[in-house]
Amino acid sequence: MSIEPGTQGSVPAGAELGAPAQTPPSPDKGMFGVKGTGDVSGFGRLVRPRPAVFDSPRPYGGYFDDVYDALEEAYPALSEAIEKVVVDRAELTLHVRAEHIAEVCQVMRDDASLRFELCSSVDGVDYLSSDERRFHVAYQLTSMTYRRRVRLEVAVAEGVTVPSVTRVYPTADWQEREVYDMFGVVFAGHPNLTRILMPDDWEGHPQRKDYPLGGVPVEYKGAEIPPPDQRRVYQ
């Protein structure tokens, strides 16, 4: 004898999954077409291919050629220091070998034809599985004298240190600490390379791509906030 849905003793739809607080086999969840993960954050199993980045041909356009020519004249080792020059979306990026980054910054700041007096930010990026040199560090430089902006970018493998630029740009002190805290990139010569956002005894670096999505213990009756891919999805 069958039991009508909704009557006493009936089996609710999805009960075989432990509904209503269980991940369905193919939940219509996720952003950018990602489905079937049960990840309520919307980013589970999202893989974005990294396009190849090639040298931009001369002329670069605008003031970019003037900046490069001035840097080449002021820094004779430029050909050894620069891996490639990329102009994209009206922005100039100089890809610098890690061991030369402090020297290049010194010239960018002090040369009369450049005068990039301000390092407005130091950012980290993790290219896990898409670049052998997994960690990239980007430096946003601003010339207030000439009203120009240039980005420097350094790429290093895990465990390779990057020279600190705090001696050239004191503003990089806290910025390098944040990159170290979030990504684990070590800046050699930094005056006080300690965590800035996470507790000193925190394990791991939260913005690495292989860092667990997290289940954060909370002091409420032994409760715990589960990782996004383990949270309940209500039908």
C-alpha atoms as a PDB file:
ATOM      1  CA  MET A   1       0.000   0.000   0.000  1.00  0.00           C
ATOM      2  CA  SER A   2       1.386   3.383  -0.965  1.00  0.00           C
ATOM      3  CA  ILE A   3       1.146   6.436   1.243  1.00  0.00           C
ATOM      4  CA  GLU A   4       0.111   9.757  -0.194  1.00  0.00           C
ATOM      5  CA  PRO A   5       2.784  12.450   0.141  1.00  0.00           C
ATOM      6  CA  GLY A   6       2.133  14.803   3.019  1.00  0.00           C
ATOM      7  CA  THR A   7       0.032  12.341   5.058  1.00  0.00           C
ATOM      8  CA  GLN A   8       1.046  11.001   8.461  1.00  0.00           C
ATOM      9  CA  GLY A   9       3.733   8.392   8.157  1.00  0.00           C
ATOM     10  CA  SER A  10       4.712   9.444   4.667  1.00  0.00           C
ATOM     11  CA  VAL A  11       8.349   9.643   3.662  1.00  0.00           C
ATOM     12  CA  PRO A  12       9.256  13.267   2.872  1.00  0.00           C
ATOM     13  CA  ALA A  13      10.766  13.944  -0.515  1.00  0.00           C
ATOM     14  CA  GLY A  14      14.520  13.599  -0.376  1.00  0.00           C
ATOM     15  CA  ALA A  15      14.500  11.710   2.928  1.00  0.00           C
ATOM     16  CA  GLU A  16      16.874   9.154   1.485  1.00  0.00           C
ATOM     17  CA  LEU A  17      19.387  11.991   1.430  1.00  0.00           C
ATOM     18  CA  GLY A  18      18.739  13.038   4.989  1.00  0.00           C
ATOM     19  CA  ALA A  19      16.642  15.996   3.869  1.00  0.00           C
ATOM     20  CA  PRO A  20      15.837  18.761   4.490  1.00  0.00           C
ATOM     21  CA  ALA A  21      19.361  19.586   5.688  1.00  0.00           C
ATOM     22  CA  GLN A  22      21.430  17.627   3.223  1.00  0.00           C
ATOM     23  CA  THR A  23      23.203  18.287  -0.046  1.00  0.00           C
ATOM     24  CA  PRO A  24      21.168  16.985  -2.990  1.00  0.00           C
ATOM     25  CA  PRO A  25      23.054  14.896  -5.574  1.00  0.00           C
ATOM     26  CA  SER A  26      23.103  17.737  -8.127  1.00  0.00           C
ATOM     27  CA  PRO A  27      22.205  21.013  -6.410  1.00  0.00           C
ATOM     28  CA  ASP A  28      21.643  23.983  -8.659  1.00  0.00           C
ATOM     29  CA  LYS A  29      24.320  25.936  -6.838  1.00  0.00           C
ATOM     30  CA  GLY A  30      27.458  27.727  -7.828  1.00  0.00           C
ATOM     31  CA  MET A  31      28.579  30.710  -9.834  1.00  0.00           C
ATOM     32  CA  PHE A  32      29.919  30.833 -13.389  1.00  0.00           C
ATOM     33  CA  GLY A  33      28.292  27.526 -14.314  1.00  0.00           C
ATOM     34  CA  VAL A  34      29.836  25.500 -11.465  1.00  0.00           C
ATOM     35  CA  LYS A  35      27.264  22.940 -10.284  1.00  0.00           C
ATOM     36  CA  GLY A  36      27.116  19.713  -8.361  1.00  0.00           C
ATOM     37  CA  THR A  37      29.512  20.603  -5.555  1.00  0.00           C
ATOM     38  CA  GLY A  38      27.163  21.552  -2.721  1.00  0.00           C
ATOM     39  CA  ASP A  39      29.473  24.479  -2.079  1.00  0.00           C
ATOM     40  CA  VAL A  40      27.224  27.286  -0.886  1.00  0.00           C
ATOM     41  CA  SER A  41      30.030  29.822  -1.401  1.00  0.00           C
ATOM     42  CA  GLY A  42      29.475  29.426  -5.134  1.00  0.00           C
ATOM     43  CA  PHE A  43      33.138  28.912  -6.017  1.00  0.00           C
ATOM     44  CA  GLY A  44      33.671  25.181  -5.457  1.00  0.00           C
ATOM     45  CA  ARG A  45      35.821  23.510  -8.118  1.00  0.00           C
ATOM     46  CA  LEU A  46      36.009  26.728 -10.069  1.00  0.00           C
ATOM     47  CA  VAL A  47      39.094  26.582 -12.302  1.00  0.00           C
ATOM     48  CA  ARG A  48      40.077  29.636 -14.284  1.00  0.00           C
ATOM     49  CA  PRO A  49      42.734  29.054 -16.941  1.00  0.00           C
ATOM     50  CA  ARG A  50      45.538  31.585 -16.825  1.00  0.00           C
ATOM     51  CA  PRO A  51      46.214  33.036 -20.266  1.00  0.00           C
ATOM     52  CA  ALA A  52      49.785  33.244 -21.490  1.00  0.00           C
ATOM     53  CA  VAL A  53      51.358  36.670 -21.071  1.00  0.00           C
ATOM     54  CA  PHE A  54      53.748  37.809 -23.784  1.00  0.00           C
ATOM     55  CA  ASP A  55      56.056  40.769 -24.256  1.00  0.00           C
ATOM     56  CA  SER A  56      54.372  43.826 -25.680  1.00  0.00           C
ATOM     57  CA  PRO A  57      56.061  45.285 -28.790  1.00  0.00           C
ATOM     58  CA  ARG A  58      57.454  48.796 -28.968  1.00  0.00           C
ATOM     59  CA  PRO A  59      56.210  51.450 -29.074  1.00  0.00           C
ATOM     60  CA  TYR A  60      54.266  50.920 -25.868  1.00  0.00           C
ATOM     61  CA  GLY A  61      52.326  54.145 -26.227  1.00  0.00           C
ATOM     62  CA  GLY A  62      51.745  57.176 -24.029  1.00  0.00           C
ATOM     63  CA  TYR A  63      54.401  57.839 -21.417  1.00  0.00           C
ATOM     64  CA  PHE A  64      55.313  54.141 -21.171  1.00  0.00           C
ATOM     65  CA  ASP A  65      58.174  54.440 -23.672  1.00  0.00           C
ATOM     66  CA  ASP A  66      59.585  57.449 -21.823  1.00  0.00           C
ATOM     67  CA  VAL A  67      59.522  55.526 -18.528  1.00  0.00           C
ATOM     68  CA  TYR A  68      61.245  52.478 -19.981  1.00  0.00           C
ATOM     69  CA  ASP A  69      63.893  54.516 -21.794  1.00  0.00           C
ATOM     70  CA  ALA A  70      64.637  56.553 -18.673  1.00  0.00           C
ATOM     71  CA  LEU A  71      64.920  53.391 -16.578  1.00  0.00           C
ATOM     72  CA  GLU A  72      67.188  51.762 -19.166  1.00  0.00           C
ATOM     73  CA  GLU A  73      69.492  54.781 -19.156  1.00  0.00           C
ATOM     74  CA  ALA A  74      69.606  55.054 -15.358  1.00  0.00           C
ATOM     75  CA  TYR A  75      69.972  51.311 -14.676  1.00  0.00           C
ATOM     76  CA  PRO A  76      72.536  49.614 -16.965  1.00  0.00           C
ATOM     77  CA  ALA A  77      71.586  46.131 -15.695  1.00  0.00           C
ATOM     78  CA  LEU A  78      68.006  46.530 -16.887  1.00  0.00           C
ATOM     79  CA  SER A  79      68.270  43.801 -19.536  1.00  0.00           C
ATOM     80  CA  GLU A  80      69.238  41.331 -16.798  1.00  0.00           C
ATOM     81  CA  ALA A  81      66.575  42.545 -14.389  1.00  0.00           C
ATOM     82  CA  ILE A  82      63.529  42.706 -16.671  1.00  0.00           C
ATOM     83  CA  GLU A  83      61.929  39.469 -17.873  1.00  0.00           C
ATOM     84  CA  LYS A  84      59.243  41.089 -19.999  1.00  0.00           C
ATOM     85  CA  VAL A  85      57.240  44.259 -20.460  1.00  0.00           C
ATOM     86  CA  VAL A  86      53.474  43.993 -20.727  1.00  0.00           C
ATOM     87  CA  VAL A  87      51.045  46.720 -21.718  1.00  0.00           C
ATOM     88  CA  ASP A  88      47.464  45.680 -21.134  1.00  0.00           C
ATOM     89  CA  ARG A  89      44.304  47.650 -20.438  1.00  0.00           C
ATOM     90  CA  ALA A  90      46.247  50.915 -20.590  1.00  0.00           C
ATOM     91  CA  GLU A  91      48.595  49.755 -17.820  1.00  0.00           C
ATOM     92  CA  LEU A  92      52.354  49.180 -17.926  1.00  0.00           C
ATOM     93  CA  THR A  93      53.763  46.184 -16.036  1.00  0.00           C
ATOM     94  CA  LEU A  94      57.486  45.494 -15.763  1.00  0.00           C
ATOM     95  CA  HIS A  95      58.143  41.875 -14.807  1.00  0.00           C
ATOM     96  CA  VAL A  96      61.296  42.015 -12.673  1.00  0.00           C
ATOM     97  CA  ARG A  97      63.510  39.154 -11.527  1.00  0.00           C
ATOM     98  CA  ALA A  98      63.227  38.876  -7.759  1.00  0.00           C
ATOM     99  CA  GLU A  99      66.885  39.512  -6.969  1.00  0.00           C
ATOM    100  CA  HIS A 100      66.738  42.898  -8.742  1.00  0.00           C
ATOM    101  CA  ILE A 101      63.475  44.273  -7.348  1.00  0.00           C
ATOM    102  CA  ALA A 102      65.009  46.489  -4.631  1.00  0.00           C
ATOM    103  CA  GLU A 103      67.565  47.944  -7.059  1.00  0.00           C
ATOM    104  CA  VAL A 104      64.915  48.685  -9.672  1.00  0.00           C
ATOM    105  CA  CYS A 105      62.720  50.361  -7.058  1.00  0.00           C
ATOM    106  CA  GLN A 106      65.668  52.498  -5.934  1.00  0.00           C
ATOM    107  CA  VAL A 107      66.223  53.759  -9.469  1.00  0.00           C
ATOM    108  CA  MET A 108      62.504  54.261 -10.071  1.00  0.00           C
ATOM    109  CA  ARG A 109      62.336  56.476  -7.004  1.00  0.00           C
ATOM    110  CA  ASP A 110      65.576  58.460  -7.275  1.00  0.00           C
ATOM    111  CA  ASP A 111      66.155  59.095 -10.980  1.00  0.00           C
ATOM    112  CA  ALA A 112      65.161  62.638 -11.940  1.00  0.00           C
ATOM    113  CA  SER A 113      63.408  61.421 -15.106  1.00  0.00           C
ATOM    114  CA  LEU A 114      61.310  58.873 -13.212  1.00  0.00           C
ATOM    115  CA  ARG A 115      60.537  60.077  -9.682  1.00  0.00           C
ATOM    116  CA  PHE A 116      58.182  57.287  -8.618  1.00  0.00           C
ATOM    117  CA  GLU A 117      58.087  58.532  -5.039  1.00  0.00           C
ATOM    118  CA  LEU A 118      55.209  56.401  -3.745  1.00  0.00           C
ATOM    119  CA  CYS A 119      54.653  52.665  -3.471  1.00  0.00           C
ATOM    120  CA  SER A 120      50.905  52.676  -2.926  1.00  0.00           C
ATOM    121  CA  SER A 121      50.477  48.923  -2.497  1.00  0.00           C
ATOM    122  CA  VAL A 122      52.206  45.549  -2.452  1.00  0.00           C
ATOM    123  CA  ASP A 123      49.903  42.673  -3.393  1.00  0.00           C
ATOM    124  CA  GLY A 124      50.219  38.921  -3.622  1.00  0.00           C
ATOM    125  CA  VAL A 125      48.724  36.416  -6.080  1.00  0.00           C
ATOM    126  CA  ASP A 126      48.789  32.615  -5.900  1.00  0.00           C
ATOM    127  CA  TYR A 127      48.919  30.899  -9.303  1.00  0.00           C
ATOM    128  CA  LEU A 128      48.705  27.382  -7.909  1.00  0.00           C
ATOM    129  CA  SER A 129      48.961  24.706 -10.632  1.00  0.00           C
ATOM    130  CA  SER A 130      49.183  27.290 -13.424  1.00  0.00           C
ATOM    131  CA  ASP A 131      52.691  28.661 -12.869  1.00  0.00           C
ATOM    132  CA  GLU A 132      55.812  26.899 -11.613  1.00  0.00           C
ATOM    133  CA  ARG A 133      56.714  30.143  -9.906  1.00  0.00           C
ATOM    134  CA  ARG A 134      53.553  30.043  -7.899  1.00  0.00           C
ATOM    135  CA  PHE A 135      53.618  33.353  -6.048  1.00  0.00           C
ATOM    136  CA  HIS A 136      53.575  36.747  -7.737  1.00  0.00           C
ATOM    137  CA  VAL A 137      54.139  40.008  -5.880  1.00  0.00           C
ATOM    138  CA  ALA A 138      52.906  43.219  -7.520  1.00  0.00           C
ATOM    139  CA  TYR A 139      54.131  46.702  -6.603  1.00  0.00           C
ATOM    140  CA  GLN A 140      52.027  49.714  -7.599  1.00  0.00           C
ATOM    141  CA  LEU A 141      54.307  52.734  -8.037  1.00  0.00           C
ATOM    142  CA  THR A 142      53.114  56.303  -8.455  1.00  0.00           C
ATOM    143  CA  SER A 143      55.043  59.351  -9.630  1.00  0.00           C
ATOM    144  CA  MET A 144      53.418  62.367  -8.075  1.00  0.00           C
ATOM    145  CA  THR A 145      55.931  64.580  -9.887  1.00  0.00           C
ATOM    146  CA  TYR A 146      54.942  63.403 -13.380  1.00  0.00           C
ATOM    147  CA  ARG A 147      51.474  62.000 -12.562  1.00  0.00           C
ATOM    148  CA  ARG A 148      52.330  58.518 -13.797  1.00  0.00           C
ATOM    149  CA  ARG A 149      51.712  54.974 -12.602  1.00  0.00           C
ATOM    150  CA  VAL A 150      53.675  51.761 -13.222  1.00  0.00           C
ATOM    151  CA  ARG A 151      53.344  48.245 -11.885  1.00  0.00           C
ATOM    152  CA  LEU A 152      56.332  46.044 -11.063  1.00  0.00           C
ATOM    153  CA  GLU A 153      55.752  42.307 -10.747  1.00  0.00           C
ATOM    154  CA  VAL A 154      57.957  39.575  -9.286  1.00  0.00           C
ATOM    155  CA  ALA A 155      57.353  35.816  -9.583  1.00  0.00           C
ATOM    156  CA  VAL A 156      58.918  33.262  -7.216  1.00  0.00           C
ATOM    157  CA  ALA A 157      58.490  29.584  -6.454  1.00  0.00           C
ATOM    158  CA  GLU A 158      57.395  28.462  -3.024  1.00  0.00           C
ATOM    159  CA  GLY A 159      60.226  28.840  -0.519  1.00  0.00           C
ATOM    160  CA  VAL A 160      62.110  31.466  -2.551  1.00  0.00           C
ATOM    161  CA  THR A 161      62.573  34.798  -0.776  1.00  0.00           C
ATOM    162  CA  VAL A 162      62.005  38.253  -2.230  1.00  0.00           C
ATOM    163  CA  PRO A 163      64.224  41.194  -1.210  1.00  0.00           C
ATOM    164  CA  SER A 164      62.315  43.709   0.880  1.00  0.00           C
ATOM    165  CA  VAL A 165      61.826  47.182  -0.594  1.00  0.00           C
ATOM    166  CA  THR A 166      61.104  48.833   2.771  1.00  0.00           C
ATOM    167  CA  ARG A 167      64.477  50.597   2.652  1.00  0.00           C
ATOM    168  CA  VAL A 168      63.329  52.350  -0.527  1.00  0.00           C
ATOM    169  CA  TYR A 169      59.612  52.636   0.217  1.00  0.00           C
ATOM    170  CA  PRO A 170      58.797  52.712   3.958  1.00  0.00           C
ATOM    171  CA  THR A 171      55.099  52.304   3.076  1.00  0.00           C
ATOM    172  CA  ALA A 172      55.916  48.729   2.010  1.00  0.00           C
ATOM    173  CA  ASP A 173      56.605  47.765   5.631  1.00  0.00           C
ATOM    174  CA  TRP A 174      53.029  46.818   6.533  1.00  0.00           C
ATOM    175  CA  GLN A 175      52.155  45.839   2.967  1.00  0.00           C
ATOM    176  CA  GLU A 176      54.900  43.210   2.794  1.00  0.00           C
ATOM    177  CA  ARG A 177      53.813  41.929   6.188  1.00  0.00           C
ATOM    178  CA  GLU A 178      50.285  41.420   4.855  1.00  0.00           C
ATOM    179  CA  VAL A 179      51.565  39.482   1.814  1.00  0.00           C
ATOM    180  CA  TYR A 180      53.675  37.365   4.160  1.00  0.00           C
ATOM    181  CA  ASP A 181      50.713  36.784   6.473  1.00  0.00           C
ATOM    182  CA  MET A 182      48.227  35.883   3.724  1.00  0.00           C
ATOM    183  CA  PHE A 183      50.499  34.073   1.225  1.00  0.00           C
ATOM    184  CA  GLY A 184      53.631  33.075   3.144  1.00  0.00           C
ATOM    185  CA  VAL A 185      56.022  34.981   0.867  1.00  0.00           C
ATOM    186  CA  VAL A 186      59.164  35.808   2.850  1.00  0.00           C
ATOM    187  CA  PHE A 187      60.732  39.231   2.271  1.00  0.00           C
ATOM    188  CA  ALA A 188      64.450  39.100   3.041  1.00  0.00           C
ATOM    189  CA  GLY A 189      65.712  42.134   4.923  1.00  0.00           C
ATOM    190  CA  HIS A 190      62.323  43.231   6.243  1.00  0.00           C
ATOM    191  CA  PRO A 191      62.792  44.930   9.630  1.00  0.00           C
ATOM    192  CA  ASN A 192      59.961  43.045  11.373  1.00  0.00           C
ATOM    193  CA  LEU A 193      58.350  40.363   9.223  1.00  0.00           C
ATOM    194  CA  THR A 194      55.526  39.180  11.478  1.00  0.00           C
ATOM    195  CA  ARG A 195      51.831  38.532  11.007  1.00  0.00           C
ATOM    196  CA  ILE A 196      49.622  41.568  10.688  1.00  0.00           C
ATOM    197  CA  LEU A 197      46.065  40.176  10.357  1.00  0.00           C
ATOM    198  CA  MET A 198      46.149  36.668  11.799  1.00  0.00           C
ATOM    199  CA  PRO A 199      47.244  35.692  15.342  1.00  0.00           C
ATOM    200  CA  ASP A 200      50.943  34.935  15.730  1.00  0.00           C
ATOM    201  CA  ASP A 201      50.250  31.240  16.348  1.00  0.00           C
ATOM    202  CA  TRP A 202      47.937  30.825  13.334  1.00  0.00           C
ATOM    203  CA  GLU A 203      48.826  27.886  11.114  1.00  0.00           C
ATOM    204  CA  GLY A 204      48.925  28.442   7.358  1.00  0.00           C
ATOM    205  CA  HIS A 205      48.309  31.395   5.083  1.00  0.00           C
ATOM    206  CA  PRO A 206      44.613  32.039   4.348  1.00  0.00           C
ATOM    207  CA  GLN A 207      44.824  33.426   0.800  1.00  0.00           C
ATOM    208  CA  ARG A 208      46.757  30.506  -0.643  1.00  0.00           C
ATOM    209  CA  LYS A 209      44.684  28.556  -3.153  1.00  0.00           C
ATOM    210  CA  ASP A 210      45.244  25.284  -1.292  1.00  0.00           C
ATOM    211  CA  TYR A 211      44.261  26.709   2.091  1.00  0.00           C
ATOM    212  CA  PRO A 212      41.184  24.885   3.496  1.00  0.00           C
ATOM    213  CA  LEU A 213      37.920  26.746   3.037  1.00  0.00           C
ATOM    214  CA  GLY A 214      37.705  26.516   6.789  1.00  0.00           C
ATOM    215  CA  GLY A 215      35.518  25.521   9.660  1.00  0.00           C
ATOM    216  CA  VAL A 216      35.913  28.190  12.310  1.00  0.00           C
ATOM    217  CA  PRO A 217      35.362  27.044  15.914  1.00  0.00           C
ATOM    218  CA  VAL A 218      33.094  29.375  17.860  1.00  0.00           C
ATOM    219  CA  GLU A 219      32.502  29.549  21.607  1.00  0.00           C
ATOM    220  CA  TYR A 220      28.820  28.679  21.596  1.00  0.00           C
ATOM    221  CA  LYS A 221      27.823  25.280  22.977  1.00  0.00           C
ATOM    222  CA  GLY A 222      30.709  23.666  21.143  1.00  0.00           C
ATOM    223  CA  ALA A 223      29.391  24.773  17.756  1.00  0.00           C
ATOM    224  CA  GLU A 224      31.541  25.121  14.684  1.00  0.00           C
ATOM    225  CA  ILE A 225      31.032  26.972  11.415  1.00  0.00           C
ATOM    226  CA  PRO A 226      31.658  24.310   8.750  1.00  0.00           C
ATOM    227  CA  PRO A 227      33.533  24.921   5.501  1.00  0.00           C
ATOM    228  CA  PRO A 228      31.329  26.195   2.641  1.00  0.00           C
ATOM    229  CA  ASP A 229      31.511  22.868   0.812  1.00  0.00           C
ATOM    230  CA  GLN A 230      30.179  21.065   3.884  1.00  0.00           C
ATOM    231  CA  ARG A 231      27.357  23.400   4.854  1.00  0.00           C
ATOM    232  CA  ARG A 232      23.769  22.280   4.659  1.00  0.00           C
ATOM    233  CA  VAL A 233      21.780  23.043   1.556  1.00  0.00           C
ATOM    234  CA  TYR A 234      18.039  23.265   2.189  1.00  0.00           C
ATOM    235  CA  GLN A 235      15.741  21.928  -0.500  1.00  0.00           C
END
